[in-house]
C-alpha atoms as a PDB file:
ATOM      1  CA  MET A   1      68.349-104.155  -5.311  1.00  0.00           C
ATOM      2  CA  MET A   2      68.348-105.496  -1.854  1.00  0.00           C
ATOM      3  CA  LEU A   3      67.483-102.082  -0.451  1.00  0.00           C
ATOM      4  CA  THR A   4      64.488-101.731  -2.680  1.00  0.00           C
ATOM      5  CA  MET A   5      63.238-105.109  -1.724  1.00  0.00           C
ATOM      6  CA  ASP A   6      63.697-104.398   1.931  1.00  0.00           C
ATOM      7  CA  GLY A   7      61.887-101.077   1.541  1.00  0.00           C
ATOM      8  CA  SER A   8      58.952-102.655  -0.266  1.00  0.00           C
ATOM      9  CA  VAL A   9      58.757-105.371   2.358  1.00  0.00           C
ATOM     10  CA  TRP A  10      58.596-102.693   5.051  1.00  0.00           C
ATOM     11  CA  VAL A  11      55.965-100.751   3.142  1.00  0.00           C
ATOM     12  CA  GLY A  12      53.933-103.930   2.715  1.00  0.00           C
ATOM     13  CA  LEU A  13      54.287-104.763   6.376  1.00  0.00           C
ATOM     14  CA  ALA A  14      53.301-101.233   7.370  1.00  0.00           C
ATOM     15  CA  GLY A  15      50.218-101.406   5.108  1.00  0.00           C
ATOM     16  CA  THR A  16      49.282-104.772   6.557  1.00  0.00           C
ATOM     17  CA  LEU A  17      49.754-103.486  10.091  1.00  0.00           C
ATOM     18  CA  VAL A  18      47.626-100.392   9.428  1.00  0.00           C
ATOM     19  CA  GLY A  19      44.922-102.471   7.748  1.00  0.00           C
ATOM     20  CA  THR A  20      44.898-105.007  10.567  1.00  0.00           C
ATOM     21  CA  THR A  21      44.733-102.253  13.186  1.00  0.00           C
ATOM     22  CA  ILE A  22      41.845-100.485  11.455  1.00  0.00           C
ATOM     23  CA  GLY A  23      39.993-103.751  10.784  1.00  0.00           C
ATOM     24  CA  GLY A  24      40.534-104.957  14.349  1.00  0.00           C
ATOM     25  CA  GLY A  25      39.427-101.610  15.771  1.00  0.00           C
ATOM     26  CA  LEU A  26      36.251-101.643  13.677  1.00  0.00           C
ATOM     27  CA  SER A  27      35.595-105.233  14.715  1.00  0.00           C
ATOM     28  CA  ILE A  28      35.991-104.372  18.412  1.00  0.00           C
ATOM     29  CA  TRP A  29      33.806-101.272  17.991  1.00  0.00           C
ATOM     30  CA  ALA A  30      31.069-103.360  16.313  1.00  0.00           C
ATOM     31  CA  SER A  31      31.316-106.027  19.044  1.00  0.00           C
ATOM     32  CA  VAL A  32      31.002-103.438  21.807  1.00  0.00           C
ATOM     33  CA  GLY A  33      28.009-101.857  20.056  1.00  0.00           C
ATOM     34  CA  THR A  34      26.319-105.251  19.675  1.00  0.00           C
ATOM     35  CA  GLN A  35      27.039-106.127  23.291  1.00  0.00           C
ATOM     36  CA  ASN A  36      25.585-102.790  24.477  1.00  0.00           C
ATOM     37  CA  ARG A  37      22.404-103.355  22.446  1.00  0.00           C
ATOM     38  CA  GLN A  38      22.075-106.882  23.848  1.00  0.00           C
ATOM     39  CA  MET A  39      22.574-105.633  27.413  1.00  0.00           C
ATOM     40  CA  LYS A  40      19.945-102.908  26.882  1.00  0.00           C
ATOM     41  CA  ALA A  41      17.516-105.444  25.428  1.00  0.00           C
ATOM     42  CA  ALA A  42      18.106-107.786  28.385  1.00  0.00           C
ATOM     43  CA  ARG A  43      17.646-104.893  30.842  1.00  0.00           C
ATOM     44  CA  ASP A  44      14.413-103.838  29.093  1.00  0.00           C
ATOM     45  CA  LEU A  45      13.165-107.423  29.188  1.00  0.00           C
ATOM     46  CA  ARG A  46      13.890-107.714  32.929  1.00  0.00           C
ATOM     47  CA  PHE A  47      12.147-104.376  33.542  1.00  0.00           C
ATOM     48  CA  GLU A  48       9.127-105.508  31.511  1.00  0.00           C
ATOM     49  CA  GLU A  49       9.007-108.829  33.390  1.00  0.00           C
ATOM     50  CA  LYS A  50       9.121-106.999  36.736  1.00  0.00           C
ATOM     51  CA  SER A  51       6.399-104.617  35.576  1.00  0.00           C
ATOM     52  CA  GLU A  52       4.192-107.499  34.472  1.00  0.00           C
ATOM     53  CA  ALA A  53       4.828-109.283  37.766  1.00  0.00           C
ATOM     54  CA  SER A  54       3.789-106.108  39.620  1.00  0.00           C
ATOM     55  CA  ALA A  55       0.606-105.890  37.558  1.00  0.00           C
ATOM     56  CA  ASN A  56      -0.149-109.555  38.251  1.00  0.00           C
ATOM     57  CA  ASP A  57       0.479-109.007  41.968  1.00  0.00           C
ATOM     58  CA  ALA A  58      -1.821-105.965  41.911  1.00  0.00           C
ATOM     59  CA  ILE A  59      -4.501-108.011  40.121  1.00  0.00           C
ATOM     60  CA  THR A  60      -4.351-110.674  42.817  1.00  0.00           C
ATOM     61  CA  GLN A  61      -4.534-108.131  45.627  1.00  0.00           C
ATOM     62  CA  LEU A  62      -7.328-106.106  44.027  1.00  0.00           C
ATOM     63  CA  TYR A  63      -9.290-109.295  43.437  1.00  0.00           C
ATOM     64  CA  VAL A  64      -9.077-110.028  47.184  1.00  0.00           C
ATOM     65  CA  ILE A  65     -10.300-106.492  47.917  1.00  0.00           C
ATOM     66  CA  ARG A  66     -13.169-106.939  45.482  1.00  0.00           C
ATOM     67  CA  GLN A  67     -14.184-110.224  47.087  1.00  0.00           C
ATOM     68  CA  ARG A  68     -14.072-108.600  50.527  1.00  0.00           C
ATOM     69  CA  ALA A  69     -16.095-105.632  49.241  1.00  0.00           C
ATOM     70  CA  ARG A  70     -18.831-108.053  48.155  1.00  0.00           C
ATOM     71  CA  ASP A  71     -18.907-109.575  51.627  1.00  0.00           C
ATOM     72  CA  PHE A  72     -20.646-106.610  53.260  1.00  0.00           C
ATOM     73  CA  PRO A  73     -21.876-107.044  56.820  1.00  0.00           C
ATOM     74  CA  GLN A  74     -25.474-107.937  57.502  1.00  0.00           C
ATOM     75  CA  ASP A  75     -25.765-105.595  60.477  1.00  0.00           C
ATOM     76  CA  ARG A  76     -24.615-102.003  60.957  1.00  0.00           C
ATOM     77  CA  GLU A  77     -22.250-102.930  63.812  1.00  0.00           C
ATOM     78  CA  GLY A  78     -19.942-104.761  61.402  1.00  0.00           C
ATOM     79  CA  TRP A  79     -19.582-101.826  59.027  1.00  0.00           C
ATOM     80  CA  ASP A  80     -16.708-100.137  60.853  1.00  0.00           C
ATOM     81  CA  ALA A  81     -14.688-103.362  60.844  1.00  0.00           C
ATOM     82  CA  TRP A  82     -15.595-103.922  57.191  1.00  0.00           C
ATOM     83  CA  GLN A  83     -14.410-100.451  56.190  1.00  0.00           C
ATOM     84  CA  ARG A  84     -11.198-100.821  58.235  1.00  0.00           C
ATOM     85  CA  GLU A  85     -10.524-104.185  56.571  1.00  0.00           C
ATOM     86  CA  LEU A  86     -10.981-102.733  53.082  1.00  0.00           C
ATOM     87  CA  GLY A  87      -8.762 -99.776  53.985  1.00  0.00           C
ATOM     88  CA  ARG A  88      -6.083-102.137  55.350  1.00  0.00           C
ATOM     89  CA  LEU A  89      -6.180-104.270  52.204  1.00  0.00           C
ATOM     90  CA  ALA A  90      -5.949-101.157  50.025  1.00  0.00           C
ATOM     91  CA  ALA A  91      -2.962 -99.907  52.049  1.00  0.00           C
ATOM     92  CA  GLU A  92      -1.231-103.286  51.690  1.00  0.00           C
ATOM     93  CA  MET A  93      -1.651-103.035  47.935  1.00  0.00           C
ATOM     94  CA  GLU A  94       0.102 -99.654  47.641  1.00  0.00           C
ATOM     95  CA  PRO A  95       3.657-101.066  47.226  1.00  0.00           C
ATOM     96  CA  ALA A  96       2.502-103.132  44.235  1.00  0.00           C
ATOM     97  CA  VAL A  97       0.834-100.040  42.761  1.00  0.00           C
ATOM     98  CA  LEU A  98       4.035 -98.014  43.131  1.00  0.00           C
ATOM     99  CA  ARG A  99       5.854-100.562  40.962  1.00  0.00           C
ATOM    100  CA  LEU A 100       3.367-100.184  38.103  1.00  0.00           C
ATOM    101  CA  ARG A 101       5.172 -98.666  35.138  1.00  0.00           C
ATOM    102  CA  ASP A 102       2.332 -96.762  33.487  1.00  0.00           C
ATOM    103  CA  ASP A 103       1.542 -93.445  35.205  1.00  0.00           C
ATOM    104  CA  GLU A 104      -2.044 -93.351  33.950  1.00  0.00           C
ATOM    105  CA  LEU A 105      -2.687 -96.903  35.157  1.00  0.00           C
ATOM    106  CA  ARG A 106      -1.121 -96.144  38.527  1.00  0.00           C
ATOM    107  CA  GLY A 107      -3.384 -93.086  38.875  1.00  0.00           C
ATOM    108  CA  ARG A 108      -6.499 -95.090  38.074  1.00  0.00           C
ATOM    109  CA  ILE A 109      -5.645 -97.834  40.555  1.00  0.00           C
ATOM    110  CA  GLU A 110      -4.836 -95.261  43.244  1.00  0.00           C
ATOM    111  CA  GLU A 111      -8.263 -93.697  42.586  1.00  0.00           C
ATOM    112  CA  VAL A 112      -9.940 -97.094  42.993  1.00  0.00           C
ATOM    113  CA  LEU A 113      -8.064 -97.742  46.244  1.00  0.00           C
ATOM    114  CA  GLY A 114      -8.970 -94.288  47.535  1.00  0.00           C
ATOM    115  CA  TYR A 115     -12.642 -95.144  47.278  1.00  0.00           C
ATOM    116  CA  MET A 116     -12.152 -98.054  49.695  1.00  0.00           C
ATOM    117  CA  ASP A 117     -12.005 -95.430  52.462  1.00  0.00           C
ATOM    118  CA  MET A 118     -15.437 -94.121  51.395  1.00  0.00           C
ATOM    119  CA  ILE A 119     -17.504 -97.250  51.993  1.00  0.00           C
ATOM    120  CA  TYR A 120     -20.307 -95.478  53.847  1.00  0.00           C
ATOM    121  CA  GLU A 121     -20.616 -92.865  51.152  1.00  0.00           C
ATOM    122  CA  LEU A 122     -20.440 -95.346  48.268  1.00  0.00           C
ATOM    123  CA  THR A 123     -23.142 -97.504  49.814  1.00  0.00           C
ATOM    124  CA  ASP A 124     -25.438 -94.870  51.371  1.00  0.00           C
ATOM    125  CA  TYR A 125     -25.645 -92.003  48.873  1.00  0.00           C
ATOM    126  CA  ARG A 126     -28.205 -93.620  46.626  1.00  0.00           C
ATOM    127  CA  VAL A 127     -29.257 -90.289  45.121  1.00  0.00           C
ATOM    128  CA  HIS A 128     -25.776 -90.093  43.585  1.00  0.00           C
ATOM    129  CA  GLY A 129     -25.694 -93.726  42.477  1.00  0.00           C
ATOM    130  CA  GLY A 130     -24.470 -95.350  45.676  1.00  0.00           C
ATOM    131  CA  SER A 131     -25.334 -98.988  46.333  1.00  0.00           C
ATOM    132  CA  LEU A 132     -24.101-101.940  48.343  1.00  0.00           C
ATOM    133  CA  MET A 133     -22.400-103.310  45.234  1.00  0.00           C
ATOM    134  CA  LEU A 134     -20.685-100.054  44.206  1.00  0.00           C
ATOM    135  CA  PRO A 135     -17.392-100.745  46.066  1.00  0.00           C
ATOM    136  CA  SER A 136     -17.135-104.114  44.311  1.00  0.00           C
ATOM    137  CA  GLU A 137     -17.972-102.529  40.950  1.00  0.00           C
ATOM    138  CA  VAL A 138     -15.287 -99.885  41.504  1.00  0.00           C
ATOM    139  CA  CYS A 139     -12.775-102.690  42.150  1.00  0.00           C
ATOM    140  CA  ARG A 140     -13.967-104.407  38.976  1.00  0.00           C
ATOM    141  CA  TYR A 141     -13.010-101.308  37.011  1.00  0.00           C
ATOM    142  CA  GLY A 142      -9.517-101.440  38.558  1.00  0.00           C
ATOM    143  CA  LEU A 143      -9.232-105.094  37.570  1.00  0.00           C
ATOM    144  CA  ASP A 144     -10.303-104.212  34.020  1.00  0.00           C
ATOM    145  CA  CYS A 145      -7.539-101.580  33.848  1.00  0.00           C
ATOM    146  CA  LEU A 146      -4.883-103.964  35.175  1.00  0.00           C
ATOM    147  CA  GLY A 147      -6.047-106.725  32.845  1.00  0.00           C
ATOM    148  CA  ALA A 148      -5.848-104.416  29.836  1.00  0.00           C
ATOM    149  CA  THR A 149      -2.280-103.530  30.771  1.00  0.00           C
ATOM    150  CA  VAL A 150      -1.224-107.158  31.139  1.00  0.00           C
ATOM    151  CA  ARG A 151      -2.763-107.925  27.749  1.00  0.00           C
ATOM    152  CA  ASP A 152      -1.032-104.844  26.295  1.00  0.00           C
ATOM    153  CA  ARG A 153      -4.310-103.166  25.367  1.00  0.00           C
ATOM    154  CA  PRO A 154      -5.431 -99.568  25.893  1.00  0.00           C
ATOM    155  CA  LEU A 155      -6.928 -98.705  29.261  1.00  0.00           C
ATOM    156  CA  PRO A 156     -10.728 -98.818  29.316  1.00  0.00           C
ATOM    157  CA  ALA A 157     -12.875 -95.731  29.606  1.00  0.00           C
ATOM    158  CA  ALA A 158     -14.235 -94.865  33.028  1.00  0.00           C
ATOM    159  CA  SER A 159     -16.972 -97.289  34.005  1.00  0.00           C
ATOM    160  CA  SER A 160     -20.363 -96.219  35.319  1.00  0.00           C
ATOM    161  CA  ALA A 161     -19.216 -97.343  38.789  1.00  0.00           C
ATOM    162  CA  ILE A 162     -16.205 -95.001  38.688  1.00  0.00           C
ATOM    163  CA  LEU A 163     -18.390 -92.159  37.435  1.00  0.00           C
ATOM    164  CA  LYS A 164     -20.806 -92.748  40.324  1.00  0.00           C
ATOM    165  CA  ALA A 165     -17.930 -92.899  42.812  1.00  0.00           C
ATOM    166  CA  ARG A 166     -16.530 -89.639  41.424  1.00  0.00           C
ATOM    167  CA  GLU A 167     -19.940 -87.995  41.741  1.00  0.00           C
ATOM    168  CA  ILE A 168     -20.248 -89.171  45.348  1.00  0.00           C
ATOM    169  CA  ASN A 169     -16.705 -87.992  46.100  1.00  0.00           C
ATOM    170  CA  ALA A 170     -17.445 -84.554  44.610  1.00  0.00           C
ATOM    171  CA  PHE A 171     -20.634 -84.361  46.702  1.00  0.00           C
ATOM    172  CA  VAL A 172     -18.714 -85.285  49.889  1.00  0.00           C
ATOM    173  CA  VAL A 173     -16.012 -82.701  49.129  1.00  0.00           C
ATOM    174  CA  ASP A 174     -18.688 -80.018  48.564  1.00  0.00           C
ATOM    175  CA  GLN A 175     -20.474 -80.976  51.794  1.00  0.00           C
ATOM    176  CA  THR A 176     -17.195 -80.834  53.724  1.00  0.00           C
ATOM    177  CA  ARG A 177     -16.329 -77.457  52.229  1.00  0.00           C
ATOM    178  CA  MET A 178     -19.778 -76.055  53.046  1.00  0.00           C
ATOM    179  CA  SER A 179     -19.564 -77.391  56.620  1.00  0.00           C
ATOM    180  CA  ARG A 180     -16.187 -75.693  57.089  1.00  0.00           C
ATOM    181  CA  GLN A 181     -17.514 -72.413  55.717  1.00  0.00           C
ATOM    182  CA  GLU A 182     -20.490 -72.545  58.076  1.00  0.00           C
ATOM    183  CA  GLY A 183     -18.153 -73.309  60.980  1.00  0.00           C
ATOM    184  CA  GLU A 184     -16.040 -70.258  60.150  1.00  0.00           C
ATOM    185  CA  ARG A 185     -19.025 -67.900  60.252  1.00  0.00           C
END
């Protein structure tokens, strides 16, 4: 009788040990899974915060560019310095643009900044929609795009200012191409 009791005690202990091991293993597995999800959520939150900070930084910098674009010189001698200043400000903004998460947004802001090197064209080619205020209006479009991103809204459609700038850019590219072809003849 003693043997049977000892055997059943061992069987009970073995069952308890197996149950505890399986239960403990499942508990550890669930804890690790929960911890991994929490770490991913925290990482995503940090990434989102950095992205929003980059967008806010870009908004601040583009606003400065827009204000400077409105401050066009009264005489033609100041235009070279004005264009260099806008180009410098646009170049300083590039690191903030590189940190923007959305590829489409980054492309639109890079397009806006590219037009800051075309001040003469944007202001002089009136036939194609150029005006003294066009550089500022182009910056306004960039600000609208950045603002939509910060508010988690879809990016706006191309503004009339961007369409005019694109038309002027296409005209300049065509003129450059034609000049090169004539030079090759």
